[in-house]
Protein backbone atom coordinates (compact mmCIF):
# COMPACT_ATOMS: atom_id res chain seq x y z
CA UNK A 1 25.31 44.85 -45.25
CA UNK A 2 24.31 46.16 -42.12
CA UNK A 3 25.32 44.73 -38.85
CA UNK A 4 23.13 43.74 -35.99
CA UNK A 5 23.50 45.13 -32.30
CA UNK A 6 23.14 44.26 -29.14
CA UNK A 7 19.34 45.36 -28.21
CA UNK A 8 20.72 45.70 -24.36
CA UNK A 9 24.22 47.74 -25.09
CA UNK A 10 25.53 50.64 -23.45
CA UNK A 11 24.55 49.67 -20.64
CA UNK A 12 21.68 50.52 -19.64
CA UNK A 13 18.74 49.58 -17.47
CA UNK A 14 15.22 49.58 -17.23
CA UNK A 15 12.29 49.87 -14.59
CA UNK A 16 8.66 51.22 -14.85
CA UNK A 17 6.25 50.93 -11.47
CA UNK A 18 2.78 50.44 -12.89
CA UNK A 19 1.30 51.86 -9.23
CA UNK A 20 2.91 55.35 -9.48
CA UNK A 21 2.93 55.89 -13.66
CA UNK A 22 6.52 56.65 -13.33
CA UNK A 23 9.49 55.28 -15.72
CA UNK A 24 13.34 55.54 -14.71
CA UNK A 25 16.21 55.01 -16.38
CA UNK A 26 20.12 54.83 -15.61
CA UNK A 27 22.41 54.92 -17.88
CA UNK A 28 25.55 52.67 -17.48
CA UNK A 29 29.37 53.30 -18.19
CA UNK A 30 30.22 56.08 -15.57
CA UNK A 31 27.56 58.54 -17.25
CA UNK A 32 25.67 59.18 -14.11
CA UNK A 33 22.46 60.42 -15.86
CA UNK A 34 19.41 59.62 -14.66
CA UNK A 35 16.22 60.01 -17.10
CA UNK A 36 12.88 60.54 -15.09
CA UNK A 37 9.35 61.65 -16.17
CA UNK A 38 6.78 62.06 -14.01
CA UNK A 39 2.92 62.50 -14.47
CA UNK A 40 -0.34 61.95 -13.24
CA UNK A 41 -0.63 65.20 -10.84
CA UNK A 42 0.74 63.93 -8.13
CA UNK A 43 2.59 66.83 -7.94
CA UNK A 44 1.72 70.78 -8.25
CA UNK A 45 1.79 72.77 -11.85
CA UNK A 46 3.46 75.12 -12.11
CA UNK A 47 2.84 79.19 -12.88
CA UNK A 48 3.55 79.88 -16.56
CA UNK A 49 6.30 82.26 -16.23
CA UNK A 50 9.31 82.83 -17.69
CA UNK A 51 13.01 82.03 -17.30
CA UNK A 52 14.45 84.83 -15.52
CA UNK A 53 18.34 84.23 -14.47
CA UNK A 54 20.69 81.97 -12.10
CA UNK A 55 21.98 82.13 -9.05
CA UNK A 56 23.59 80.36 -5.89
CA UNK A 57 21.08 77.39 -4.06
CA UNK A 58 20.41 77.08 -0.63
CA UNK A 59 19.20 73.93 -0.16
CA UNK A 60 22.88 72.24 -1.55
CA UNK A 61 25.19 74.85 -2.29
CA UNK A 62 25.46 75.20 -5.98
CA UNK A 63 26.95 78.47 -6.83
CA UNK A 64 24.70 79.35 -9.98
CA UNK A 65 22.76 75.55 -10.53
CA UNK A 66 19.20 77.83 -9.62
CA UNK A 67 17.11 79.23 -11.77
CA UNK A 68 14.91 82.69 -10.57
CA UNK A 69 11.41 82.86 -13.01
CA UNK A 70 9.46 85.54 -13.67
CA UNK A 71 6.17 84.45 -10.90
CA UNK A 72 8.82 84.46 -8.34
CA UNK A 73 9.66 80.14 -7.98
CA UNK A 74 12.80 78.62 -8.17
CA UNK A 75 14.22 75.52 -9.68
CA UNK A 76 17.53 73.90 -8.79
CA UNK A 77 19.34 71.93 -11.71
CA UNK A 78 20.91 70.20 -9.13
CA UNK A 79 19.09 69.55 -6.35
CA UNK A 80 16.09 69.06 -7.84
CA UNK A 81 14.45 72.10 -5.38
CA UNK A 82 11.65 74.33 -6.10
CA UNK A 83 11.12 76.62 -3.87
CA UNK A 84 7.36 78.40 -4.70
CA UNK A 85 7.05 82.00 -4.35
CA UNK A 86 5.48 82.37 -0.47
CA UNK A 87 8.48 79.77 0.71
CA UNK A 88 7.10 76.46 0.64
CA UNK A 89 9.54 73.88 -0.37
CA UNK A 90 9.54 70.60 -2.38
CA UNK A 91 12.19 68.36 -2.96
CA UNK A 92 13.01 66.18 -6.07
CA UNK A 93 10.21 68.04 -7.80
CA UNK A 94 9.37 66.93 -11.24
CA UNK A 95 6.97 68.84 -13.16
CA UNK A 96 4.01 66.84 -14.47
CA UNK A 97 3.57 66.30 -18.74
CA UNK A 98 2.04 68.81 -20.65
CA UNK A 99 -1.38 67.10 -21.57
CA UNK A 100 -1.43 68.02 -25.50
CA UNK A 101 1.78 65.43 -25.07
CA UNK A 102 -0.21 61.87 -24.12
CA UNK A 103 -0.36 60.89 -27.74
CA UNK A 104 3.19 60.38 -26.02
CA UNK A 105 2.46 57.86 -23.35
CA UNK A 106 1.63 55.28 -26.14
CA UNK A 107 4.52 54.49 -27.64
CA UNK A 108 7.39 52.24 -26.54
CA UNK A 109 10.99 53.09 -27.40
CA UNK A 110 12.16 50.46 -29.77
CA UNK A 111 14.91 49.81 -31.67
CA UNK A 112 15.94 52.41 -34.64
CA UNK A 113 16.89 49.03 -37.11
CA UNK A 114 17.10 50.75 -40.30
CA UNK A 115 20.19 53.72 -38.69
CA UNK A 116 21.99 50.75 -36.42
CA UNK A 117 20.33 52.97 -33.12
CA UNK A 118 19.93 50.14 -30.38
CA UNK A 119 16.07 50.49 -28.01
CA UNK A 120 18.49 50.93 -25.53
CA UNK A 121 20.00 54.34 -27.01
CA UNK A 122 16.05 54.89 -27.34
CA UNK A 123 14.78 54.44 -24.23
CA UNK A 124 18.27 57.49 -23.04
CA UNK A 125 17.02 59.97 -24.44
CA UNK A 126 12.95 59.25 -24.07
CA UNK A 127 12.38 58.09 -28.74
CA UNK A 128 9.86 56.28 -29.49
CA UNK A 129 7.49 54.96 -32.05
CA UNK A 130 3.73 54.24 -32.62
CA UNK A 131 2.70 53.39 -36.18
CA UNK A 132 5.43 54.53 -38.55
CA UNK A 133 5.79 57.49 -36.58
CA UNK A 134 9.37 58.60 -34.49
CA UNK A 135 8.60 60.95 -31.36
CA UNK A 136 11.62 62.95 -29.91
CA UNK A 137 10.89 64.33 -26.87
CA UNK A 138 11.93 68.14 -25.39
CA UNK A 139 12.01 69.72 -22.49
CA UNK A 140 12.55 73.10 -21.04
CA UNK A 141 14.95 74.14 -18.47
CA UNK A 142 13.37 72.79 -15.45
CA UNK A 143 13.44 69.17 -17.38
CA UNK A 144 9.50 69.82 -18.00
CA UNK A 145 8.60 67.43 -21.26
CA UNK A 146 7.46 70.85 -23.44
CA UNK A 147 7.33 69.70 -27.02
CA UNK A 148 6.87 66.50 -29.17
CA UNK A 149 8.83 66.68 -32.48
CA UNK A 150 6.79 63.86 -34.60
CA UNK A 151 8.89 62.35 -37.29
CA UNK A 152 6.91 60.12 -40.47
CA UNK A 153 9.13 57.68 -41.43
CA UNK A 154 7.86 56.91 -44.59
CA UNK A 155 8.04 60.46 -46.33
CA UNK A 156 10.12 61.80 -43.98
CA UNK A 157 7.92 65.24 -42.71
CA UNK A 158 8.15 66.43 -39.57
CA UNK A 159 5.67 68.16 -37.27
CA UNK A 160 5.83 69.73 -33.40
CA UNK A 161 3.19 69.55 -31.12
CA UNK A 162 2.92 71.39 -27.46
CA UNK A 163 5.52 74.47 -26.82
CA UNK A 164 8.45 74.33 -28.72
CA UNK A 165 9.88 78.31 -27.96
CA UNK A 166 10.79 77.18 -24.20
CA UNK A 167 12.51 73.47 -25.14
CA UNK A 168 16.31 73.09 -24.43
CA UNK A 169 18.29 71.80 -26.90
CA UNK A 170 17.41 68.30 -27.97
CA UNK A 171 18.99 65.66 -25.56
CA UNK A 172 19.76 69.19 -22.86
CA UNK A 173 17.61 67.66 -19.86
CA UNK A 174 19.76 64.44 -19.63
CA UNK A 175 23.57 65.73 -19.35
CA UNK A 176 24.47 67.99 -15.86
CA UNK A 177 26.71 70.80 -16.71
CA UNK A 178 30.64 71.47 -17.04
CA UNK A 179 31.40 67.84 -18.02
CA UNK A 180 34.81 67.58 -20.10
CA UNK A 181 33.44 66.89 -23.46
CA UNK A 182 29.59 67.87 -25.48
CA UNK A 183 29.02 67.04 -28.68
CA UNK A 184 26.27 68.64 -31.43
CA UNK A 185 24.89 67.30 -33.34
CA UNK A 186 22.29 68.83 -36.50
CA UNK A 187 19.59 66.37 -35.60
CA UNK A 188 17.99 64.07 -33.21
CA UNK A 189 19.11 59.98 -35.19
CA UNK A 190 22.90 61.89 -35.21
CA UNK A 191 23.14 62.69 -31.69
CA UNK A 192 21.67 59.10 -31.00
CA UNK A 193 23.97 57.36 -33.29
CA UNK A 194 27.16 59.81 -31.99
CA UNK A 195 26.16 59.03 -27.87
CA UNK A 196 26.24 55.16 -28.97
CA UNK A 197 29.20 55.35 -31.18
CA UNK A 198 30.90 56.78 -28.59
CA UNK A 199 30.13 53.82 -26.13
CA UNK A 200 28.00 56.28 -23.17
CA UNK A 201 30.33 57.81 -22.66
CA UNK A 202 29.97 61.93 -22.94
CA UNK A 203 27.17 64.38 -23.33
CA UNK A 204 25.07 64.39 -27.22
CA UNK A 205 22.96 67.26 -28.18
CA UNK A 206 20.61 67.94 -31.27
CA UNK A 207 20.48 71.58 -32.53
CA UNK A 208 16.47 71.73 -32.74
CA UNK A 209 15.29 72.60 -36.38
CA UNK A 210 18.66 72.08 -38.73
CA UNK A 211 21.30 74.27 -40.10
CA UNK A 212 19.48 77.12 -40.69
CA UNK A 213 18.58 77.75 -36.36
CA UNK A 214 21.32 76.35 -34.92
CA UNK A 215 23.04 79.70 -34.53
CA UNK A 216 19.70 80.67 -32.46
CA UNK A 217 19.60 77.74 -31.03
CA UNK A 218 22.59 77.47 -29.50
CA UNK A 219 22.63 81.24 -28.43
CA UNK A 220 19.35 80.47 -26.43
CA UNK A 221 21.40 77.86 -24.35
CA UNK A 222 24.86 79.60 -24.13
CA UNK A 223 25.28 79.27 -20.67
CA UNK A 224 24.88 75.47 -20.36
CA UNK A 225 26.91 74.69 -23.69
CA UNK A 226 30.22 77.40 -22.36
CA UNK A 227 30.16 75.26 -18.99
CA UNK A 228 31.32 72.26 -20.99
CA UNK A 229 35.99 71.77 -21.22
CA UNK A 230 35.74 71.00 -25.73
CA UNK A 231 32.47 71.25 -27.57
CA UNK A 232 32.41 69.30 -30.47
CA UNK A 233 30.47 70.06 -33.50
CA UNK A 234 29.70 66.90 -35.55
CA UNK A 235 27.01 69.42 -38.13
CA UNK A 236 26.29 67.69 -41.22
CA UNK A 237 29.37 68.02 -43.87
CA UNK A 238 26.95 69.32 -46.73
CA UNK A 239 27.58 73.12 -46.84
CA UNK A 240 24.80 74.51 -45.07
CA UNK A 241 25.68 72.47 -41.92
CA UNK A 242 29.64 73.52 -42.50
CA UNK A 243 28.41 77.31 -42.36
CA UNK A 244 26.63 76.74 -39.63
CA UNK A 245 29.25 75.43 -37.56
CA UNK A 246 31.41 77.58 -38.11
CA UNK A 247 28.80 80.57 -36.67
CA UNK A 248 28.32 78.50 -33.70
CA UNK A 249 32.15 78.23 -32.84
CA UNK A 250 32.21 81.72 -33.33
CA UNK A 251 30.03 81.77 -30.02
CA UNK A 252 32.18 79.77 -27.89
CA UNK A 253 35.85 80.53 -29.54
CA UNK A 254 39.15 78.37 -28.32
CA UNK A 255 37.08 75.40 -26.70
CA UNK A 256 35.12 74.51 -30.30
CA UNK A 257 36.51 71.39 -32.25
CA UNK A 258 34.63 71.18 -35.91
CA UNK A 259 34.43 67.55 -37.24
CA UNK A 260 35.68 67.29 -40.06
CA UNK A 261 33.74 64.00 -41.89
CA UNK A 262 35.25 61.49 -43.79
CA UNK A 263 34.60 61.30 -47.55
CA UNK A 264 31.87 59.15 -48.25
CA UNK A 265 30.20 59.93 -44.47
CA UNK A 266 27.69 63.06 -44.35
CA UNK A 267 26.61 62.68 -40.51
CA UNK A 268 26.89 60.72 -37.60
CA UNK A 269 24.04 58.22 -38.43
CA UNK A 270 25.56 57.46 -41.57
CA UNK A 271 29.41 56.09 -40.23
CA UNK A 272 26.45 53.81 -38.12
CA UNK A 273 24.45 52.68 -40.74
CA UNK A 274 28.02 51.43 -42.45
CA UNK A 275 29.43 49.55 -39.28
CA UNK A 276 31.68 52.19 -39.51
CA UNK A 277 31.56 53.29 -35.64
CA UNK A 278 35.48 52.89 -35.27
CA UNK A 279 36.05 55.63 -38.20
CA UNK A 280 33.45 58.03 -36.37
CA UNK A 281 34.62 57.89 -33.27
CA UNK A 282 38.45 58.57 -34.51
CA UNK A 283 37.30 61.50 -36.71
CA UNK A 284 35.81 63.22 -33.52
CA UNK A 285 38.72 62.71 -31.77
CA UNK A 286 40.48 64.35 -34.48
CA UNK A 287 37.80 67.43 -34.63
CA UNK A 288 40.11 70.12 -35.24
CA UNK A 289 40.10 73.65 -32.41
CA UNK A 290 38.71 76.08 -34.62
CA UNK A 291 40.52 79.02 -35.07
CA UNK A 292 38.89 82.13 -36.48
CA UNK A 293 39.36 84.78 -39.59
CA UNK A 294 41.65 87.32 -38.67
CA UNK A 295 44.73 87.38 -41.11
CA UNK A 296 44.84 90.59 -43.29
CA UNK A 297 46.84 91.39 -46.53
CA UNK A 298 48.17 95.31 -45.71
CA UNK A 299 47.87 96.28 -49.89
CA UNK A 300 43.98 95.29 -49.15
CA UNK A 301 42.82 97.96 -46.83
CA UNK A 302 42.88 101.01 -49.15
CA UNK A 303 39.66 101.73 -48.57
CA UNK A 304 39.24 100.82 -45.30
CA UNK A 305 41.70 103.89 -44.46
CA UNK A 306 40.97 105.86 -46.81
CA UNK A 307 36.98 106.33 -45.21
CA UNK A 308 36.55 108.83 -42.96
CA UNK A 309 37.02 108.22 -39.26
CA UNK A 310 34.17 106.92 -37.10
CA UNK A 311 32.38 109.38 -34.86
CA UNK A 312 31.93 107.32 -31.30
CA UNK A 313 29.17 104.41 -30.87
CA UNK A 314 27.86 106.95 -28.35
CA UNK A 315 28.72 109.88 -26.21
CA UNK A 316 29.76 110.23 -22.36
CA UNK A 317 27.07 112.72 -20.82
CA UNK A 318 29.43 114.94 -19.91
CA UNK A 319 30.90 117.57 -22.50
CA UNK A 320 34.33 117.75 -20.61
CA UNK A 321 35.18 113.91 -20.94
CA UNK A 322 33.77 113.76 -24.19
CA UNK A 323 36.41 116.71 -25.84
CA UNK A 324 38.93 114.34 -24.38
CA UNK A 325 37.90 111.21 -25.18
CA UNK A 326 35.90 111.89 -28.50
CA UNK A 327 33.79 109.66 -26.67
CA UNK A 328 32.86 105.97 -26.46
CA UNK A 329 33.59 103.41 -28.74
CA UNK A 330 33.01 99.51 -29.24
CA UNK A 331 35.88 97.16 -29.17
CA UNK A 332 37.72 99.39 -25.69
CA UNK A 333 38.02 98.83 -22.54
CA UNK A 334 36.98 101.83 -19.86
CA UNK A 335 38.54 101.29 -16.43
CA UNK A 336 36.86 104.42 -14.01
CA UNK A 337 38.71 104.44 -10.72
CA UNK A 338 38.51 107.17 -7.07
CA UNK A 339 38.26 106.89 -3.91
CA UNK A 340 35.71 104.31 -1.82
CA UNK A 341 32.22 106.24 -2.03
CA UNK A 342 32.88 109.02 -4.15
CA UNK A 343 30.49 108.61 -6.32
CA UNK A 344 32.13 105.78 -9.24
CA UNK A 345 28.36 103.26 -9.99
CA UNK A 346 26.94 106.71 -9.79
CA UNK A 347 28.53 108.10 -12.38
CA UNK A 348 28.49 104.73 -14.06
CA UNK A 349 24.62 104.80 -13.56
CA UNK A 350 24.21 108.15 -15.32
CA UNK A 351 26.35 106.04 -18.15
CA UNK A 352 23.68 103.48 -18.43
CA UNK A 353 20.93 106.15 -18.34
CA UNK A 354 22.47 107.87 -21.52
CA UNK A 355 23.72 105.04 -23.86
CA UNK A 356 19.91 104.34 -23.14
CA UNK A 357 18.78 106.92 -24.38
CA UNK A 358 21.10 107.74 -26.98
CA UNK A 359 20.97 104.03 -29.33
CA UNK A 360 19.18 100.78 -29.11
CA UNK A 361 21.83 98.27 -28.03
CA UNK A 362 21.45 96.08 -25.22
CA UNK A 363 23.21 97.17 -21.46
CA UNK A 364 24.64 93.97 -19.56
CA UNK A 365 24.65 94.70 -15.34
CA UNK A 366 26.99 93.76 -13.66
CA UNK A 367 27.25 96.08 -10.24
CA UNK A 368 28.32 93.37 -7.79
CA UNK A 369 28.28 95.06 -4.16
CA UNK A 370 24.61 96.06 -5.14
CA UNK A 371 21.59 93.86 -5.20
CA UNK A 372 19.20 93.49 -8.23
CA UNK A 373 16.52 96.03 -6.41
CA UNK A 374 19.09 98.27 -5.44
CA UNK A 375 20.21 98.80 -9.22
CA UNK A 376 16.92 98.77 -10.21
CA UNK A 377 15.27 101.38 -8.26
CA UNK A 378 18.67 103.52 -8.92
CA UNK A 379 18.16 103.41 -12.31
CA UNK A 380 14.70 104.15 -11.90
CA UNK A 381 15.86 107.09 -10.23
CA UNK A 382 17.26 108.40 -13.60
CA UNK A 383 13.79 108.34 -15.37
CA UNK A 384 12.07 109.98 -12.65
CA UNK A 385 14.34 113.03 -11.15
CA UNK A 386 14.07 111.58 -8.03
CA UNK A 387 16.76 109.07 -5.44
CA UNK A 388 14.21 106.41 -5.29
CA UNK A 389 16.11 103.97 -3.84
CA UNK A 390 16.13 105.92 -0.59
CA UNK A 391 13.22 104.69 1.64
CA UNK A 392 12.27 108.41 2.48
CA UNK A 393 11.58 109.67 -1.17
CA UNK A 394 7.88 109.41 -1.65
CA UNK A 395 7.24 108.55 -5.48
CA UNK A 396 3.69 108.38 -6.84
CA UNK A 397 2.57 104.33 -8.41
CA UNK A 398 2.31 106.19 -12.05
CA UNK A 399 5.84 107.95 -11.90
CA UNK A 400 6.95 104.59 -11.00
CA UNK A 401 5.74 102.36 -13.53
CA UNK A 402 6.68 105.43 -16.03
CA UNK A 403 10.63 105.46 -14.67
CA UNK A 404 9.95 101.21 -15.16
CA UNK A 405 8.83 101.54 -18.60
CA UNK A 406 11.60 104.20 -18.79
CA UNK A 407 14.65 101.63 -18.12
CA UNK A 408 14.09 97.91 -16.74
CA UNK A 409 10.77 97.78 -19.34
CA UNK A 410 12.86 98.55 -22.78
CA UNK A 411 13.68 94.53 -22.74
CA UNK A 412 17.01 96.06 -23.37
CA UNK A 413 18.77 95.96 -19.97
CA UNK A 414 20.14 92.75 -18.45
CA UNK A 415 20.80 92.48 -14.78
CA UNK A 416 23.98 89.70 -13.26
CA UNK A 417 22.69 88.61 -10.16
CA UNK A 418 24.18 85.45 -9.10
CA UNK A 419 27.80 84.04 -7.31
CA UNK A 420 31.20 85.53 -8.12
CA UNK A 421 31.90 81.99 -10.03
CA UNK A 422 33.05 82.59 -13.49
CA UNK A 423 32.43 87.04 -13.94
CA UNK A 424 34.55 86.79 -16.82
CA UNK A 425 32.07 83.82 -18.91
CA UNK A 426 28.88 85.94 -17.56
CA UNK A 427 30.33 89.44 -19.34
CA UNK A 428 31.07 86.70 -22.55
CA UNK A 429 27.92 85.60 -22.36
CA UNK A 430 26.52 88.90 -22.26
CA UNK A 431 28.09 90.20 -25.11
CA UNK A 432 27.64 86.83 -27.43
CA UNK A 433 24.45 85.17 -26.05
CA UNK A 434 22.07 88.73 -24.84
CA UNK A 435 23.48 90.82 -27.68
CA UNK A 436 24.40 93.73 -24.91
CA UNK A 437 27.01 95.83 -26.61
CA UNK A 438 27.86 97.13 -23.47
CA UNK A 439 28.95 95.39 -20.07
CA UNK A 440 29.05 97.38 -17.07
CA UNK A 441 31.58 95.24 -13.78
CA UNK A 442 31.76 97.33 -10.95
CA UNK A 443 33.87 96.03 -9.46
CA UNK A 444 37.02 94.27 -10.90
CA UNK A 445 38.63 94.13 -7.46
CA UNK A 446 35.77 92.48 -5.97
CA UNK A 447 36.40 89.33 -8.12
CA UNK A 448 39.44 88.92 -6.24
CA UNK A 449 38.85 89.88 -2.65
CA UNK A 450 39.08 87.68 -0.37
CA UNK A 451 38.90 84.65 -2.20
CA UNK A 452 41.60 81.78 -2.02
CA UNK A 453 43.63 83.31 -5.17
CA UNK A 454 46.92 83.32 -3.20
CA UNK A 455 48.61 87.00 -4.97
CA UNK A 456 45.80 89.47 -5.56
CA UNK A 457 48.23 90.48 -8.50
CA UNK A 458 49.01 88.06 -10.57
CA UNK A 459 44.50 87.42 -9.91
CA UNK A 460 43.67 91.20 -11.31
CA UNK A 461 46.95 90.14 -14.34
CA UNK A 462 45.16 87.52 -15.30
CA UNK A 463 41.48 88.59 -14.93
CA UNK A 464 41.92 92.23 -17.06
CA UNK A 465 43.62 89.70 -19.54
CA UNK A 466 40.51 87.74 -20.13
CA UNK A 467 38.53 90.79 -20.25
CA UNK A 468 40.60 92.91 -22.68
CA UNK A 469 40.31 89.59 -25.05
CA UNK A 470 36.19 89.04 -25.09
CA UNK A 471 36.27 92.89 -25.60
CA UNK A 472 38.45 92.77 -28.10
CA UNK A 473 36.44 89.21 -29.74
CA UNK A 474 32.81 90.59 -29.17
CA UNK A 475 33.57 93.93 -29.89
CA UNK A 476 31.71 94.99 -27.20
CA UNK A 477 32.90 98.51 -24.60
CA UNK A 478 33.70 97.25 -21.31
CA UNK A 479 33.13 100.14 -18.06
CA UNK A 480 34.25 98.55 -15.29
CA UNK A 481 35.26 100.37 -12.24
CA UNK A 482 38.65 99.35 -10.03
CA UNK A 483 39.70 100.15 -6.51
CA UNK A 484 43.17 102.11 -5.86
CA UNK A 485 45.53 101.77 -2.81
CA UNK A 486 45.08 103.99 -0.43
CA UNK A 487 47.03 106.84 -0.67
CA UNK A 488 49.69 108.38 2.14
CA UNK A 489 49.23 112.26 3.66
CA UNK A 490 45.87 112.86 2.51
CA UNK A 491 43.25 110.22 1.91
CA UNK A 492 41.52 109.96 -1.62
CA UNK A 493 38.43 109.89 0.38
CA UNK A 494 39.55 113.85 0.81
CA UNK A 495 39.64 114.98 -2.60
CA UNK A 496 43.51 113.55 -3.20
CA UNK A 497 44.74 113.36 -6.99
CA UNK A 498 44.04 110.29 -8.25
CA UNK A 499 47.17 108.60 -11.25
CA UNK A 500 47.58 105.39 -12.97
CA UNK A 501 50.26 104.48 -10.33
CA UNK A 502 47.44 104.18 -7.71
CA UNK A 503 45.25 101.69 -9.07
CA UNK A 504 45.02 98.84 -7.14
CA UNK A 505 47.30 95.89 -6.90
CA UNK A 506 47.91 95.03 -10.56
CA UNK A 507 49.60 97.22 -13.33
CA UNK A 508 47.63 95.23 -16.18
CA UNK A 509 44.47 97.33 -15.03
CA UNK A 510 46.08 100.28 -16.34
CA UNK A 511 47.78 98.78 -18.84
CA UNK A 512 45.25 96.80 -20.83
CA UNK A 513 42.50 99.83 -20.20
CA UNK A 514 41.97 102.14 -23.66
CA UNK A 515 40.77 105.02 -21.36
CA UNK A 516 41.29 105.42 -17.92
CA UNK A 517 39.32 107.55 -15.69
CA UNK A 518 39.87 109.41 -12.04
CA UNK A 519 37.01 110.37 -10.49
CA UNK A 520 38.20 112.53 -7.39
CA UNK A 521 35.44 114.90 -4.15
CA UNK A 522 36.25 115.92 -1.17
CA UNK A 523 34.07 113.67 1.15
CA UNK A 524 34.24 114.73 3.77
CA UNK A 525 34.59 118.65 3.46
CA UNK A 526 31.83 121.45 5.40
CA UNK A 527 30.96 123.16 2.31
CA UNK A 528 28.19 120.98 0.80
CA UNK A 529 28.75 122.47 -2.60
CA UNK A 530 32.52 121.10 -2.30
CA UNK A 531 31.32 117.93 -0.29
CA UNK A 532 28.81 116.97 -3.21
CA UNK A 533 30.80 118.35 -6.82
CA UNK A 534 33.26 115.48 -8.16
CA UNK A 535 36.10 116.41 -10.66
CA UNK A 536 36.88 114.16 -13.45
CA UNK A 537 40.48 113.25 -14.57
CA UNK A 538 41.40 111.75 -17.40
CA UNK A 539 44.41 108.82 -16.66
CA UNK A 540 45.06 107.58 -19.95
CA UNK A 541 44.09 108.36 -23.43
CA UNK A 542 44.55 106.02 -25.56
CA UNK A 543 42.39 106.79 -28.33
CA UNK A 544 43.27 110.67 -28.63
CA UNK A 545 46.14 110.78 -25.94
CA UNK A 546 44.52 113.56 -24.56
CA UNK A 547 45.13 113.58 -20.38
CA UNK A 548 44.22 115.83 -17.27
CA UNK A 549 41.19 116.67 -15.99
CA UNK A 550 38.11 117.77 -17.37
CA UNK A 551 35.27 119.28 -15.33
CA UNK A 552 33.27 119.27 -12.63
CA UNK A 553 30.30 117.41 -12.24
CA UNK A 554 26.90 118.28 -8.80
CA UNK A 555 25.37 115.21 -7.31
CA UNK A 556 21.97 116.53 -6.40
CA UNK A 557 20.81 114.48 -3.26
CA UNK A 558 17.02 116.18 -4.29
CA UNK A 559 16.87 114.71 -7.53
CA UNK A 560 19.20 111.85 -7.68
CA UNK A 561 21.41 112.79 -10.48
CA UNK A 562 24.93 113.93 -11.09
CA UNK A 563 24.96 116.48 -13.78
CA UNK A 564 28.02 119.03 -15.10
CA UNK A 565 28.57 122.09 -14.55
CA UNK A 566 29.44 123.47 -17.35
CA UNK A 567 31.18 127.01 -16.59
CA UNK A 568 34.08 124.50 -15.31
CA UNK A 569 34.86 124.03 -18.73
């Protein structure tokens, strides 16, 4: 027999003001969560736009809580500040409800008796009922209700009203980022049940469309999910549920724990319906950490080792570099180094442009010393053969649009623009969440310079170790820039030869990189040809072992291109 539940359990209180047509519910027991819905036309309606990236907030100081959108407006999820494209600021902004979802207004949050879910829990999540139907509200990244999933209790069928494509996970709007524990369930009712059985202490959310859509849903919300220290997957005990749990676990690595339900229980609702909340909580705490497959028996590898060695995934744009390195391979970490102002960023941009033309991969760009506009215009310069990042270079609107379409307009480039916090996690997100096969980080030294990191050498060691692990885990090609120590005597800015021993700050940079490439140029030479000619030297080559000088590159100020001087090969 199912037990009776206290309809006011969970420490939830509610209040409604008929004058403002606003409903607020505070959730107790230390969760600090507030659920608010505002509608009725008191605020401006946002222009339809697309989320682009997270950034710092000038109003509250959050490092990445502010969201930039394609129409130029920003919305901070921490202080709820909406800033229009024209600079007008609205504090505590809440977007009005989609008029298509007005049927939700007349429904009521009641207990779901057959599942043992209290009305207090339903109020928290905004789940309502009307004439044998359950309404599960879904919100976008700006906390606007954009869709309602309807469940007809009698035949257990589902339908969706509104714009489901912009919806985040069910319940995600209730909880801020960066908590200790997050539970992800396979269905809305399971999320309600799990939250209630945990005493309303920890965030519980649900994927949107069952096991088949779990991986896609979690990829879409990668950044929010990955902000939690521990991610517990409470998917169904059946084969599709456990298969989906394994796929999602691979996204987030060692911080994931997978619940193994006790015999007789398929999901969270089963525990609650059978008055087994303690058993659920015990099973939740006992969830096993995810360990990826990777133990291979040697005698099974004949087919692998007998097959021909594959060519590089993509070559460099320079023949001399390719002769020594055999090109760019996924799963390798490449380090580029040179003196200050000697063309490291331009060298990377030429590689990016080459990858765009020779592969179909997505590319992630993290040029930390320059703004997004500079990075974007510099890449477009390569397509139009003009340095259009400079103010005195003329370019027609047709040329500009063509350059944009061939670079940024390909939908394959992702640019990073936010604070220096969690750079390592951003690399992982580009690989896992955005499907980037190549990620460029310029430069690694800036992550620790000027920050409260204590010993810079140890900080660089730690960062390099994490980056190396991400490369191994995701299989991306990560191409980074590192600065050099100041050279005694002739400086690198005057053409001094580079070496591994001169890499700034940490032996881990040389040790953990697969390829290290040094660029050498006398930026103070009187002769303009010499001043703009860069020698390329392979300092380390784990793949083939070949090292040494591999040619020269000439920068043309008229075209903005760094091209190979063939007669030096």
